[in-house]
Structures are given as C-alpha cells and as structure tokens.
Amino acid sequence: EKNRVDPKTKTLVFSDSLTFDKVSELYM
C-alpha cells in the first residue's frame, strides 16, 4: 500500500511448518 500497489493483486505464500489449523487461521 505504501508503494501504491494494490495488495489484492499480489500473492502471499506461507510455507513455514504449517499445519491445517494454521492454514485455516491465516486464510481467514
């Protein structure tokens, strides 16, 4: 946002020791 880029057009990839509980928490 600070760099005038719409974050909705960008992808945040999470890959650090994830469980499905953590996946759902981060997704929501």
mmCIF file of all heavy atoms, coordinates in Angstrom:
data_MODEL
# 
_entry.id   MODEL 
# 
loop_
_atom_site.group_PDB 
_atom_site.id 
_atom_site.type_symbol 
_atom_site.label_atom_id 
_atom_site.label_alt_id 
_atom_site.label_comp_id 
_atom_site.label_asym_id 
_atom_site.label_entity_id 
_atom_site.label_seq_id 
_atom_site.pdbx_PDB_ins_code 
_atom_site.Cartn_x 
_atom_site.Cartn_y 
_atom_site.Cartn_z 
_atom_site.occupancy 
_atom_site.B_iso_or_equiv 
_atom_site.pdbx_formal_charge 
_atom_site.auth_seq_id 
_atom_site.auth_comp_id 
_atom_site.auth_asym_id 
_atom_site.auth_atom_id 
_atom_site.pdbx_PDB_model_num 
ATOM 1   N N   . GLU A 1 1  ? 0.828   -1.207  0.000  1.00 0.00 ? 1  GLU A N   1 
ATOM 2   C CA  . GLU A 1 1  ? 0.000   0.000   0.000  1.00 0.00 ? 1  GLU A CA  1 
ATOM 3   C C   . GLU A 1 1  ? 0.865   1.261   0.000  1.00 0.00 ? 1  GLU A C   1 
ATOM 4   O O   . GLU A 1 1  ? 0.565   2.237   -0.701 1.00 0.00 ? 1  GLU A O   1 
ATOM 5   C CB  . GLU A 1 1  ? -0.936  -0.018  1.206  1.00 0.00 ? 1  GLU A CB  1 
ATOM 6   C CG  . GLU A 1 1  ? -2.003  -1.104  1.101  1.00 0.00 ? 1  GLU A CG  1 
ATOM 7   C CD  . GLU A 1 1  ? -2.805  -1.294  2.378  1.00 0.00 ? 1  GLU A CD  1 
ATOM 8   O OE1 . GLU A 1 1  ? -2.331  -0.843  3.453  1.00 0.00 ? 1  GLU A OE1 1 
ATOM 9   O OE2 . GLU A 1 1  ? -3.894  -1.898  2.312  1.00 0.00 ? 1  GLU A OE2 1 
ATOM 10  N N   . LYS A 1 2  ? 1.943   1.236   0.764  1.00 0.00 ? 2  LYS A N   1 
ATOM 11  C CA  . LYS A 1 2  ? 2.867   2.373   0.813  1.00 0.00 ? 2  LYS A CA  1 
ATOM 12  C C   . LYS A 1 2  ? 3.488   2.640   -0.557 1.00 0.00 ? 2  LYS A C   1 
ATOM 13  O O   . LYS A 1 2  ? 3.766   3.801   -0.921 1.00 0.00 ? 2  LYS A O   1 
ATOM 14  C CB  . LYS A 1 2  ? 3.964   2.087   1.841  1.00 0.00 ? 2  LYS A CB  1 
ATOM 15  C CG  . LYS A 1 2  ? 5.004   3.178   1.974  1.00 0.00 ? 2  LYS A CG  1 
ATOM 16  C CD  . LYS A 1 2  ? 6.074   2.773   2.980  1.00 0.00 ? 2  LYS A CD  1 
ATOM 17  C CE  . LYS A 1 2  ? 7.196   3.797   3.053  1.00 0.00 ? 2  LYS A CE  1 
ATOM 18  N NZ  . LYS A 1 2  ? 8.259   3.368   4.004  1.00 0.00 ? 2  LYS A NZ  1 
ATOM 19  N N   . ASN A 1 3  ? 3.685   1.570   -1.331 1.00 0.00 ? 3  ASN A N   1 
ATOM 20  C CA  . ASN A 1 3  ? 4.286   1.697   -2.659 1.00 0.00 ? 3  ASN A CA  1 
ATOM 21  C C   . ASN A 1 3  ? 3.247   1.759   -3.777 1.00 0.00 ? 3  ASN A C   1 
ATOM 22  O O   . ASN A 1 3  ? 3.564   1.504   -4.941 1.00 0.00 ? 3  ASN A O   1 
ATOM 23  C CB  . ASN A 1 3  ? 5.266   0.542   -2.894 1.00 0.00 ? 3  ASN A CB  1 
ATOM 24  C CG  . ASN A 1 3  ? 6.571   0.725   -2.156 1.00 0.00 ? 3  ASN A CG  1 
ATOM 25  O OD1 . ASN A 1 3  ? 7.455   1.433   -2.609 1.00 0.00 ? 3  ASN A OD1 1 
ATOM 26  N ND2 . ASN A 1 3  ? 6.677   0.095   -0.991 1.00 0.00 ? 3  ASN A ND2 1 
ATOM 27  N N   . ARG A 1 4  ? 2.007   2.102   -3.399 1.00 0.00 ? 4  ARG A N   1 
ATOM 28  C CA  . ARG A 1 4  ? 0.909   2.320   -4.350 1.00 0.00 ? 4  ARG A CA  1 
ATOM 29  C C   . ARG A 1 4  ? 0.636   1.085   -5.220 1.00 0.00 ? 4  ARG A C   1 
ATOM 30  O O   . ARG A 1 4  ? 0.397   1.181   -6.423 1.00 0.00 ? 4  ARG A O   1 
ATOM 31  C CB  . ARG A 1 4  ? 1.195   3.546   -5.231 1.00 0.00 ? 4  ARG A CB  1 
ATOM 32  C CG  . ARG A 1 4  ? 1.385   4.825   -4.417 1.00 0.00 ? 4  ARG A CG  1 
ATOM 33  C CD  . ARG A 1 4  ? 1.259   6.077   -5.249 1.00 0.00 ? 4  ARG A CD  1 
ATOM 34  N NE  . ARG A 1 4  ? 2.210   6.160   -6.338 1.00 0.00 ? 4  ARG A NE  1 
ATOM 35  C CZ  . ARG A 1 4  ? 3.466   6.594   -6.206 1.00 0.00 ? 4  ARG A CZ  1 
ATOM 36  N NH1 . ARG A 1 4  ? 3.917   6.966   -5.018 1.00 0.00 ? 4  ARG A NH1 1 
ATOM 37  N NH2 . ARG A 1 4  ? 4.266   6.662   -7.250 1.00 0.00 ? 4  ARG A NH2 1 
ATOM 38  N N   . VAL A 1 5  ? 0.714   -0.080  -4.582 1.00 0.00 ? 5  VAL A N   1 
ATOM 39  C CA  . VAL A 1 5  ? 0.396   -1.348  -5.232 1.00 0.00 ? 5  VAL A CA  1 
ATOM 40  C C   . VAL A 1 5  ? -0.786  -1.963  -4.491 1.00 0.00 ? 5  VAL A C   1 
ATOM 41  O O   . VAL A 1 5  ? -0.777  -2.029  -3.254 1.00 0.00 ? 5  VAL A O   1 
ATOM 42  C CB  . VAL A 1 5  ? 1.598   -2.311  -5.199 1.00 0.00 ? 5  VAL A CB  1 
ATOM 43  C CG1 . VAL A 1 5  ? 1.197   -3.692  -5.720 1.00 0.00 ? 5  VAL A CG1 1 
ATOM 44  C CG2 . VAL A 1 5  ? 2.757   -1.752  -6.017 1.00 0.00 ? 5  VAL A CG2 1 
ATOM 45  N N   . ASP A 1 6  ? -1.799  -2.386  -5.229 1.00 0.00 ? 6  ASP A N   1 
ATOM 46  C CA  . ASP A 1 6  ? -2.977  -2.999  -4.611 1.00 0.00 ? 6  ASP A CA  1 
ATOM 47  C C   . ASP A 1 6  ? -2.619  -4.403  -4.122 1.00 0.00 ? 6  ASP A C   1 
ATOM 48  O O   . ASP A 1 6  ? -2.330  -5.284  -4.943 1.00 0.00 ? 6  ASP A O   1 
ATOM 49  C CB  . ASP A 1 6  ? -4.113  -3.069  -5.631 1.00 0.00 ? 6  ASP A CB  1 
ATOM 50  C CG  . ASP A 1 6  ? -5.400  -3.655  -5.044 1.00 0.00 ? 6  ASP A CG  1 
ATOM 51  O OD1 . ASP A 1 6  ? -5.405  -4.026  -3.850 1.00 0.00 ? 6  ASP A OD1 1 
ATOM 52  O OD2 . ASP A 1 6  ? -6.393  -3.745  -5.797 1.00 0.00 ? 6  ASP A OD2 1 
ATOM 53  N N   . PRO A 1 7  ? -2.615  -4.654  -2.819 1.00 0.00 ? 7  PRO A N   1 
ATOM 54  C CA  . PRO A 1 7  ? -2.245  -5.985  -2.321 1.00 0.00 ? 7  PRO A CA  1 
ATOM 55  C C   . PRO A 1 7  ? -3.183  -7.090  -2.790 1.00 0.00 ? 7  PRO A C   1 
ATOM 56  O O   . PRO A 1 7  ? -2.790  -8.261  -2.803 1.00 0.00 ? 7  PRO A O   1 
ATOM 57  C CB  . PRO A 1 7  ? -2.282  -5.825  -0.797 1.00 0.00 ? 7  PRO A CB  1 
ATOM 58  C CG  . PRO A 1 7  ? -2.995  -4.558  -0.517 1.00 0.00 ? 7  PRO A CG  1 
ATOM 59  C CD  . PRO A 1 7  ? -2.888  -3.699  -1.728 1.00 0.00 ? 7  PRO A CD  1 
ATOM 60  N N   . LYS A 1 8  ? -4.385  -6.728  -3.200 1.00 0.00 ? 8  LYS A N   1 
ATOM 61  C CA  . LYS A 1 8  ? -5.317  -7.747  -3.695 1.00 0.00 ? 8  LYS A CA  1 
ATOM 62  C C   . LYS A 1 8  ? -4.846  -8.365  -5.001 1.00 0.00 ? 8  LYS A C   1 
ATOM 63  O O   . LYS A 1 8  ? -5.330  -9.422  -5.408 1.00 0.00 ? 8  LYS A O   1 
ATOM 64  C CB  . LYS A 1 8  ? -6.712  -7.145  -3.871 1.00 0.00 ? 8  LYS A CB  1 
ATOM 65  C CG  . LYS A 1 8  ? -7.391  -6.776  -2.565 1.00 0.00 ? 8  LYS A CG  1 
ATOM 66  C CD  . LYS A 1 8  ? -8.772  -6.196  -2.800 1.00 0.00 ? 8  LYS A CD  1 
ATOM 67  C CE  . LYS A 1 8  ? -9.436  -5.792  -1.487 1.00 0.00 ? 8  LYS A CE  1 
ATOM 68  N NZ  . LYS A 1 8  ? -10.775 -5.178  -1.704 1.00 0.00 ? 8  LYS A NZ  1 
ATOM 69  N N   . THR A 1 9  ? -3.901  -7.702  -5.677 1.00 0.00 ? 9  THR A N   1 
ATOM 70  C CA  . THR A 1 9  ? -3.354  -8.239  -6.930 1.00 0.00 ? 9  THR A CA  1 
ATOM 71  C C   . THR A 1 9  ? -2.094  -9.062  -6.696 1.00 0.00 ? 9  THR A C   1 
ATOM 72  O O   . THR A 1 9  ? -1.508  -9.580  -7.650 1.00 0.00 ? 9  THR A O   1 
ATOM 73  C CB  . THR A 1 9  ? -3.023  -7.101  -7.908 1.00 0.00 ? 9  THR A CB  1 
ATOM 74  O OG1 . THR A 1 9  ? -1.941  -6.311  -7.369 1.00 0.00 ? 9  THR A OG1 1 
ATOM 75  C CG2 . THR A 1 9  ? -4.230  -6.205  -8.141 1.00 0.00 ? 9  THR A CG2 1 
ATOM 76  N N   . LYS A 1 10 ? -1.664  -9.178  -5.436 1.00 0.00 ? 10 LYS A N   1 
ATOM 77  C CA  . LYS A 1 10 ? -0.417  -9.869  -5.113 1.00 0.00 ? 10 LYS A CA  1 
ATOM 78  C C   . LYS A 1 10 ? -0.684  -11.128 -4.284 1.00 0.00 ? 10 LYS A C   1 
ATOM 79  O O   . LYS A 1 10 ? -1.708  -11.233 -3.611 1.00 0.00 ? 10 LYS A O   1 
ATOM 80  C CB  . LYS A 1 10 ? 0.526   -8.931  -4.348 1.00 0.00 ? 10 LYS A CB  1 
ATOM 81  C CG  . LYS A 1 10 ? 0.932   -7.696  -5.153 1.00 0.00 ? 10 LYS A CG  1 
ATOM 82  C CD  . LYS A 1 10 ? 1.715   -8.078  -6.421 1.00 0.00 ? 10 LYS A CD  1 
ATOM 83  C CE  . LYS A 1 10 ? 2.076   -6.872  -7.260 1.00 0.00 ? 10 LYS A CE  1 
ATOM 84  N NZ  . LYS A 1 10 ? 2.869   -7.253  -8.463 1.00 0.00 ? 10 LYS A NZ  1 
ATOM 85  N N   . THR A 1 11 ? 0.285   -12.054 -4.320 1.00 0.00 ? 11 THR A N   1 
ATOM 86  C CA  . THR A 1 11 ? 0.134   -13.341 -3.639 1.00 0.00 ? 11 THR A CA  1 
ATOM 87  C C   . THR A 1 11 ? 1.062   -13.434 -2.438 1.00 0.00 ? 11 THR A C   1 
ATOM 88  O O   . THR A 1 11 ? 2.266   -13.183 -2.556 1.00 0.00 ? 11 THR A O   1 
ATOM 89  C CB  . THR A 1 11 ? 0.428   -14.502 -4.610 1.00 0.00 ? 11 THR A CB  1 
ATOM 90  O OG1 . THR A 1 11 ? -0.463  -14.421 -5.730 1.00 0.00 ? 11 THR A OG1 1 
ATOM 91  C CG2 . THR A 1 11 ? 0.252   -15.849 -3.917 1.00 0.00 ? 11 THR A CG2 1 
ATOM 92  N N   . LEU A 1 12 ? 0.485   -13.794 -1.304 1.00 0.00 ? 12 LEU A N   1 
ATOM 93  C CA  . LEU A 1 12 ? 1.251   -14.079 -0.085 1.00 0.00 ? 12 LEU A CA  1 
ATOM 94  C C   . LEU A 1 12 ? 1.309   -15.594 0.072  1.00 0.00 ? 12 LEU A C   1 
ATOM 95  O O   . LEU A 1 12 ? 0.270   -16.250 0.214  1.00 0.00 ? 12 LEU A O   1 
ATOM 96  C CB  . LEU A 1 12 ? 0.581   -13.461 1.141  1.00 0.00 ? 12 LEU A CB  1 
ATOM 97  C CG  . LEU A 1 12 ? 0.797   -11.964 1.438  1.00 0.00 ? 12 LEU A CG  1 
ATOM 98  C CD1 . LEU A 1 12 ? 0.337   -11.093 0.270  1.00 0.00 ? 12 LEU A CD1 1 
ATOM 99  C CD2 . LEU A 1 12 ? 0.076   -11.571 2.713  1.00 0.00 ? 12 LEU A CD2 1 
ATOM 100 N N   . VAL A 1 13 ? 2.514   -16.156 -0.018 1.00 0.00 ? 13 VAL A N   1 
ATOM 101 C CA  . VAL A 1 13 ? 2.699   -17.601 0.094  1.00 0.00 ? 13 VAL A CA  1 
ATOM 102 C C   . VAL A 1 13 ? 3.281   -17.915 1.470  1.00 0.00 ? 13 VAL A C   1 
ATOM 103 O O   . VAL A 1 13 ? 4.314   -17.367 1.856  1.00 0.00 ? 13 VAL A O   1 
ATOM 104 C CB  . VAL A 1 13 ? 3.638   -18.139 -1.000 1.00 0.00 ? 13 VAL A CB  1 
ATOM 105 C CG1 . VAL A 1 13 ? 3.801   -19.654 -0.862 1.00 0.00 ? 13 VAL A CG1 1 
ATOM 106 C CG2 . VAL A 1 13 ? 3.114   -17.785 -2.386 1.00 0.00 ? 13 VAL A CG2 1 
ATOM 107 N N   . PHE A 1 14 ? 2.614   -18.800 2.201  1.00 0.00 ? 14 PHE A N   1 
ATOM 108 C CA  . PHE A 1 14 ? 3.065   -19.212 3.532  1.00 0.00 ? 14 PHE A CA  1 
ATOM 109 C C   . PHE A 1 14 ? 3.552   -20.659 3.461  1.00 0.00 ? 14 PHE A C   1 
ATOM 110 O O   . PHE A 1 14 ? 2.843   -21.523 2.935  1.00 0.00 ? 14 PHE A O   1 
ATOM 111 C CB  . PHE A 1 14 ? 1.937   -19.098 4.543  1.00 0.00 ? 14 PHE A CB  1 
ATOM 112 C CG  . PHE A 1 14 ? 1.439   -17.687 4.751  1.00 0.00 ? 14 PHE A CG  1 
ATOM 113 C CD1 . PHE A 1 14 ? 0.420   -17.171 3.957  1.00 0.00 ? 14 PHE A CD1 1 
ATOM 114 C CD2 . PHE A 1 14 ? 1.984   -16.877 5.735  1.00 0.00 ? 14 PHE A CD2 1 
ATOM 115 C CE1 . PHE A 1 14 ? -0.045  -15.883 4.141  1.00 0.00 ? 14 PHE A CE1 1 
ATOM 116 C CE2 . PHE A 1 14 ? 1.531   -15.581 5.929  1.00 0.00 ? 14 PHE A CE2 1 
ATOM 117 C CZ  . PHE A 1 14 ? 0.516   -15.075 5.126  1.00 0.00 ? 14 PHE A CZ  1 
ATOM 118 N N   . SER A 1 15 ? 4.758   -20.921 4.029  1.00 0.00 ? 15 SER A N   1 
ATOM 119 C CA  . SER A 1 15 ? 5.305   -22.277 3.902  1.00 0.00 ? 15 SER A CA  1 
ATOM 120 C C   . SER A 1 15 ? 6.122   -22.716 5.114  1.00 0.00 ? 15 SER A C   1 
ATOM 121 O O   . SER A 1 15 ? 6.873   -23.687 5.027  1.00 0.00 ? 15 SER A O   1 
ATOM 122 C CB  . SER A 1 15 ? 6.193   -22.364 2.653  1.00 0.00 ? 15 SER A CB  1 
ATOM 123 O OG  . SER A 1 15 ? 7.299   -21.481 2.740  1.00 0.00 ? 15 SER A OG  1 
ATOM 124 N N   . ASP A 1 16 ? 5.978   -22.028 6.238  1.00 0.00 ? 16 ASP A N   1 
ATOM 125 C CA  . ASP A 1 16 ? 6.819   -22.329 7.396  1.00 0.00 ? 16 ASP A CA  1 
ATOM 126 C C   . ASP A 1 16 ? 6.121   -23.249 8.390  1.00 0.00 ? 16 ASP A C   1 
ATOM 127 O O   . ASP A 1 16 ? 5.281   -22.805 9.179  1.00 0.00 ? 16 ASP A O   1 
ATOM 128 C CB  . ASP A 1 16 ? 7.235   -21.024 8.086  1.00 0.00 ? 16 ASP A CB  1 
ATOM 129 C CG  . ASP A 1 16 ? 8.111   -21.261 9.311  1.00 0.00 ? 16 ASP A CG  1 
ATOM 130 O OD1 . ASP A 1 16 ? 8.852   -22.266 9.314  1.00 0.00 ? 16 ASP A OD1 1 
ATOM 131 O OD2 . ASP A 1 16 ? 8.063   -20.452 10.253 1.00 0.00 ? 16 ASP A OD2 1 
ATOM 132 N N   . SER A 1 17 ? 6.462   -24.541 8.345  1.00 0.00 ? 17 SER A N   1 
ATOM 133 C CA  . SER A 1 17 ? 5.990   -25.519 9.344  1.00 0.00 ? 17 SER A CA  1 
ATOM 134 C C   . SER A 1 17 ? 4.479   -25.454 9.561  1.00 0.00 ? 17 SER A C   1 
ATOM 135 O O   . SER A 1 17 ? 3.989   -25.455 10.691 1.00 0.00 ? 17 SER A O   1 
ATOM 136 C CB  . SER A 1 17 ? 6.716   -25.293 10.682 1.00 0.00 ? 17 SER A CB  1 
ATOM 137 O OG  . SER A 1 17 ? 8.106   -25.333 10.510 1.00 0.00 ? 17 SER A OG  1 
ATOM 138 N N   . LEU A 1 18 ? 3.742   -25.423 8.461  1.00 0.00 ? 18 LEU A N   1 
ATOM 139 C CA  . LEU A 1 18 ? 2.295   -25.231 8.557  1.00 0.00 ? 18 LEU A CA  1 
ATOM 140 C C   . LEU A 1 18 ? 1.558   -26.502 8.937  1.00 0.00 ? 18 LEU A C   1 
ATOM 141 O O   . LEU A 1 18 ? 1.902   -27.599 8.511  1.00 0.00 ? 18 LEU A O   1 
ATOM 142 C CB  . LEU A 1 18 ? 1.744   -24.730 7.219  1.00 0.00 ? 18 LEU A CB  1 
ATOM 143 C CG  . LEU A 1 18 ? 2.148   -23.321 6.786  1.00 0.00 ? 18 LEU A CG  1 
ATOM 144 C CD1 . LEU A 1 18 ? 1.562   -23.008 5.411  1.00 0.00 ? 18 LEU A CD1 1 
ATOM 145 C CD2 . LEU A 1 18 ? 1.689   -22.278 7.801  1.00 0.00 ? 18 LEU A CD2 1 
ATOM 146 N N   . THR A 1 19 ? 0.517   -26.336 9.746  1.00 0.00 ? 19 THR A N   1 
ATOM 147 C CA  . THR A 1 19 ? -0.496  -27.357 9.969  1.00 0.00 ? 19 THR A CA  1 
ATOM 148 C C   . THR A 1 19 ? -1.787  -26.865 9.305  1.00 0.00 ? 19 THR A C   1 
ATOM 149 O O   . THR A 1 19 ? -1.898  -25.689 8.945  1.00 0.00 ? 19 THR A O   1 
ATOM 150 C CB  . THR A 1 19 ? -0.752  -27.566 11.462 1.00 0.00 ? 19 THR A CB  1 
ATOM 151 O OG1 . THR A 1 19 ? -1.304  -26.345 12.003 1.00 0.00 ? 19 THR A OG1 1 
ATOM 152 C CG2 . THR A 1 19 ? 0.535   -27.898 12.198 1.00 0.00 ? 19 THR A CG2 1 
ATOM 153 N N   . PHE A 1 20 ? -2.768  -27.742 9.162  1.00 0.00 ? 20 PHE A N   1 
ATOM 154 C CA  . PHE A 1 20 ? -4.020  -27.314 8.543  1.00 0.00 ? 20 PHE A CA  1 
ATOM 155 C C   . PHE A 1 20 ? -4.772  -26.330 9.442  1.00 0.00 ? 20 PHE A C   1 
ATOM 156 O O   . PHE A 1 20 ? -5.486  -25.459 8.949  1.00 0.00 ? 20 PHE A O   1 
ATOM 157 C CB  . PHE A 1 20 ? -4.883  -28.527 8.199  1.00 0.00 ? 20 PHE A CB  1 
ATOM 158 C CG  . PHE A 1 20 ? -4.568  -29.115 6.843  1.00 0.00 ? 20 PHE A CG  1 
ATOM 159 C CD1 . PHE A 1 20 ? -3.251  -29.293 6.426  1.00 0.00 ? 20 PHE A CD1 1 
ATOM 160 C CD2 . PHE A 1 20 ? -5.573  -29.492 5.980  1.00 0.00 ? 20 PHE A CD2 1 
ATOM 161 C CE1 . PHE A 1 20 ? -2.945  -29.830 5.190  1.00 0.00 ? 20 PHE A CE1 1 
ATOM 162 C CE2 . PHE A 1 20 ? -5.288  -30.031 4.725  1.00 0.00 ? 20 PHE A CE2 1 
ATOM 163 C CZ  . PHE A 1 20 ? -3.967  -30.208 4.338  1.00 0.00 ? 20 PHE A CZ  1 
ATOM 164 N N   . ASP A 1 21 ? -4.617  -26.453 10.746 1.00 0.00 ? 21 ASP A N   1 
ATOM 165 C CA  . ASP A 1 21 ? -5.212  -25.471 11.657 1.00 0.00 ? 21 ASP A CA  1 
ATOM 166 C C   . ASP A 1 21 ? -4.618  -24.089 11.404 1.00 0.00 ? 21 ASP A C   1 
ATOM 167 O O   . ASP A 1 21 ? -5.337  -23.083 11.362 1.00 0.00 ? 21 ASP A O   1 
ATOM 168 C CB  . ASP A 1 21 ? -4.970  -25.876 13.113 1.00 0.00 ? 21 ASP A CB  1 
ATOM 169 C CG  . ASP A 1 21 ? -5.842  -27.048 13.546 1.00 0.00 ? 21 ASP A CG  1 
ATOM 170 O OD1 . ASP A 1 21 ? -6.873  -27.290 12.886 1.00 0.00 ? 21 ASP A OD1 1 
ATOM 171 O OD2 . ASP A 1 21 ? -5.488  -27.719 14.537 1.00 0.00 ? 21 ASP A OD2 1 
ATOM 172 N N   . LYS A 1 22 ? -3.309  -24.036 11.247 1.00 0.00 ? 22 LYS A N   1 
ATOM 173 C CA  . LYS A 1 22 ? -2.642  -22.758 10.993 1.00 0.00 ? 22 LYS A CA  1 
ATOM 174 C C   . LYS A 1 22 ? -3.026  -22.210 9.626  1.00 0.00 ? 22 LYS A C   1 
ATOM 175 O O   . LYS A 1 22 ? -3.211  -20.997 9.455  1.00 0.00 ? 22 LYS A O   1 
ATOM 176 C CB  . LYS A 1 22 ? -1.121  -22.918 11.088 1.00 0.00 ? 22 LYS A CB  1 
ATOM 177 C CG  . LYS A 1 22 ? -0.354  -21.605 11.125 1.00 0.00 ? 22 LYS A CG  1 
ATOM 178 C CD  . LYS A 1 22 ? -0.694  -20.801 12.384 1.00 0.00 ? 22 LYS A CD  1 
ATOM 179 C CE  . LYS A 1 22 ? 0.054   -19.504 12.464 1.00 0.00 ? 22 LYS A CE  1 
ATOM 180 N NZ  . LYS A 1 22 ? -0.326  -18.715 13.666 1.00 0.00 ? 22 LYS A NZ  1 
ATOM 181 N N   . VAL A 1 23 ? -3.161  -23.099 8.652  1.00 0.00 ? 23 VAL A N   1 
ATOM 182 C CA  . VAL A 1 23 ? -3.592  -22.682 7.311  1.00 0.00 ? 23 VAL A CA  1 
ATOM 183 C C   . VAL A 1 23 ? -4.942  -21.985 7.374  1.00 0.00 ? 23 VAL A C   1 
ATOM 184 O O   . VAL A 1 23 ? -5.127  -20.888 6.826  1.00 0.00 ? 23 VAL A O   1 
ATOM 185 C CB  . VAL A 1 23 ? -3.648  -23.897 6.360  1.00 0.00 ? 23 VAL A CB  1 
ATOM 186 C CG1 . VAL A 1 23 ? -4.457  -23.567 5.101  1.00 0.00 ? 23 VAL A CG1 1 
ATOM 187 C CG2 . VAL A 1 23 ? -2.243  -24.350 5.974  1.00 0.00 ? 23 VAL A CG2 1 
ATOM 188 N N   . SER A 1 24 ? -5.901  -22.601 8.034  1.00 0.00 ? 24 SER A N   1 
ATOM 189 C CA  . SER A 1 24 ? -7.237  -22.016 8.092  1.00 0.00 ? 24 SER A CA  1 
ATOM 190 C C   . SER A 1 24 ? -7.233  -20.701 8.860  1.00 0.00 ? 24 SER A C   1 
ATOM 191 O O   . SER A 1 24 ? -7.923  -19.736 8.484  1.00 0.00 ? 24 SER A O   1 
ATOM 192 C CB  . SER A 1 24 ? -8.232  -22.996 8.714  1.00 0.00 ? 24 SER A CB  1 
ATOM 193 O OG  . SER A 1 24 ? -7.855  -23.368 10.021 1.00 0.00 ? 24 SER A OG  1 
ATOM 194 N N   . GLU A 1 25 ? -6.443  -20.629 9.923  1.00 0.00 ? 25 GLU A N   1 
ATOM 195 C CA  . GLU A 1 25 ? -6.343  -19.391 10.707 1.00 0.00 ? 25 GLU A CA  1 
ATOM 196 C C   . GLU A 1 25 ? -5.792  -18.251 9.857  1.00 0.00 ? 25 GLU A C   1 
ATOM 197 O O   . GLU A 1 25 ? -6.347  -17.136 9.850  1.00 0.00 ? 25 GLU A O   1 
ATOM 198 C CB  . GLU A 1 25 ? -5.442  -19.638 11.916 1.00 0.00 ? 25 GLU A CB  1 
ATOM 199 C CG  . GLU A 1 25 ? -5.182  -18.405 12.775 1.00 0.00 ? 25 GLU A CG  1 
ATOM 200 C CD  . GLU A 1 25 ? -4.115  -18.655 13.829 1.00 0.00 ? 25 GLU A CD  1 
ATOM 201 O OE1 . GLU A 1 25 ? -4.006  -19.807 14.315 1.00 0.00 ? 25 GLU A OE1 1 
ATOM 202 O OE2 . GLU A 1 25 ? -3.366  -17.713 14.148 1.00 0.00 ? 25 GLU A OE2 1 
ATOM 203 N N   . LEU A 1 26 ? -4.712  -18.521 9.128  1.00 0.00 ? 26 LEU A N   1 
ATOM 204 C CA  . LEU A 1 26 ? -4.099  -17.486 8.290  1.00 0.00 ? 26 LEU A CA  1 
ATOM 205 C C   . LEU A 1 26 ? -5.002  -17.116 7.118  1.00 0.00 ? 26 LEU A C   1 
ATOM 206 O O   . LEU A 1 26 ? -5.113  -15.942 6.747  1.00 0.00 ? 26 LEU A O   1 
ATOM 207 C CB  . LEU A 1 26 ? -2.747  -17.974 7.776  1.00 0.00 ? 26 LEU A CB  1 
ATOM 208 C CG  . LEU A 1 26 ? -1.625  -18.051 8.810  1.00 0.00 ? 26 LEU A CG  1 
ATOM 209 C CD1 . LEU A 1 26 ? -0.421  -18.819 8.243  1.00 0.00 ? 26 LEU A CD1 1 
ATOM 210 C CD2 . LEU A 1 26 ? -1.205  -16.652 9.252  1.00 0.00 ? 26 LEU A CD2 1 
ATOM 211 N N   . TYR A 1 27 ? -5.651  -18.114 6.536  1.00 0.00 ? 27 TYR A N   1 
ATOM 212 C CA  . TYR A 1 27 ? -6.526  -17.831 5.396  1.00 0.00 ? 27 TYR A CA  1 
ATOM 213 C C   . TYR A 1 27 ? -7.658  -16.895 5.801  1.00 0.00 ? 27 TYR A C   1 
ATOM 214 O O   . TYR A 1 27 ? -7.946  -15.911 5.110  1.00 0.00 ? 27 TYR A O   1 
ATOM 215 C CB  . TYR A 1 27 ? -7.090  -19.132 4.825  1.00 0.00 ? 27 TYR A CB  1 
ATOM 216 C CG  . TYR A 1 27 ? -8.004  -18.881 3.640  1.00 0.00 ? 27 TYR A CG  1 
ATOM 217 C CD1 . TYR A 1 27 ? -7.482  -18.659 2.376  1.00 0.00 ? 27 TYR A CD1 1 
ATOM 218 C CD2 . TYR A 1 27 ? -9.394  -18.835 3.797  1.00 0.00 ? 27 TYR A CD2 1 
ATOM 219 C CE1 . TYR A 1 27 ? -8.308  -18.398 1.288  1.00 0.00 ? 27 TYR A CE1 1 
ATOM 220 C CE2 . TYR A 1 27 ? -10.225 -18.581 2.722  1.00 0.00 ? 27 TYR A CE2 1 
ATOM 221 C CZ  . TYR A 1 27 ? -9.674  -18.363 1.474  1.00 0.00 ? 27 TYR A CZ  1 
ATOM 222 O OH  . TYR A 1 27 ? -10.497 -18.091 0.401  1.00 0.00 ? 27 TYR A OH  1 
ATOM 223 N N   . MET A 1 28 ? -8.288  -17.191 6.905  1.00 0.00 ? 28 MET A N   1 
ATOM 224 C CA  . MET A 1 28 ? -9.417  -16.359 7.325  1.00 0.00 ? 28 MET A CA  1 
ATOM 225 C C   . MET A 1 28 ? -8.967  -14.972 7.774  1.00 0.00 ? 28 MET A C   1 
ATOM 226 O O   . MET A 1 28 ? -9.714  -14.012 7.690  1.00 0.00 ? 28 MET A O   1 
ATOM 227 C CB  . MET A 1 28 ? -10.225 -17.084 8.407  1.00 0.00 ? 28 MET A CB  1 
ATOM 228 C CG  . MET A 1 28 ? -11.043 -18.233 7.820  1.00 0.00 ? 28 MET A CG  1 
ATOM 229 S SD  . MET A 1 28 ? -12.205 -19.009 8.964  1.00 0.00 ? 28 MET A SD  1 
ATOM 230 C CE  . MET A 1 28 ? -11.124 -20.119 9.846  1.00 0.00 ? 28 MET A CE  1 
# 
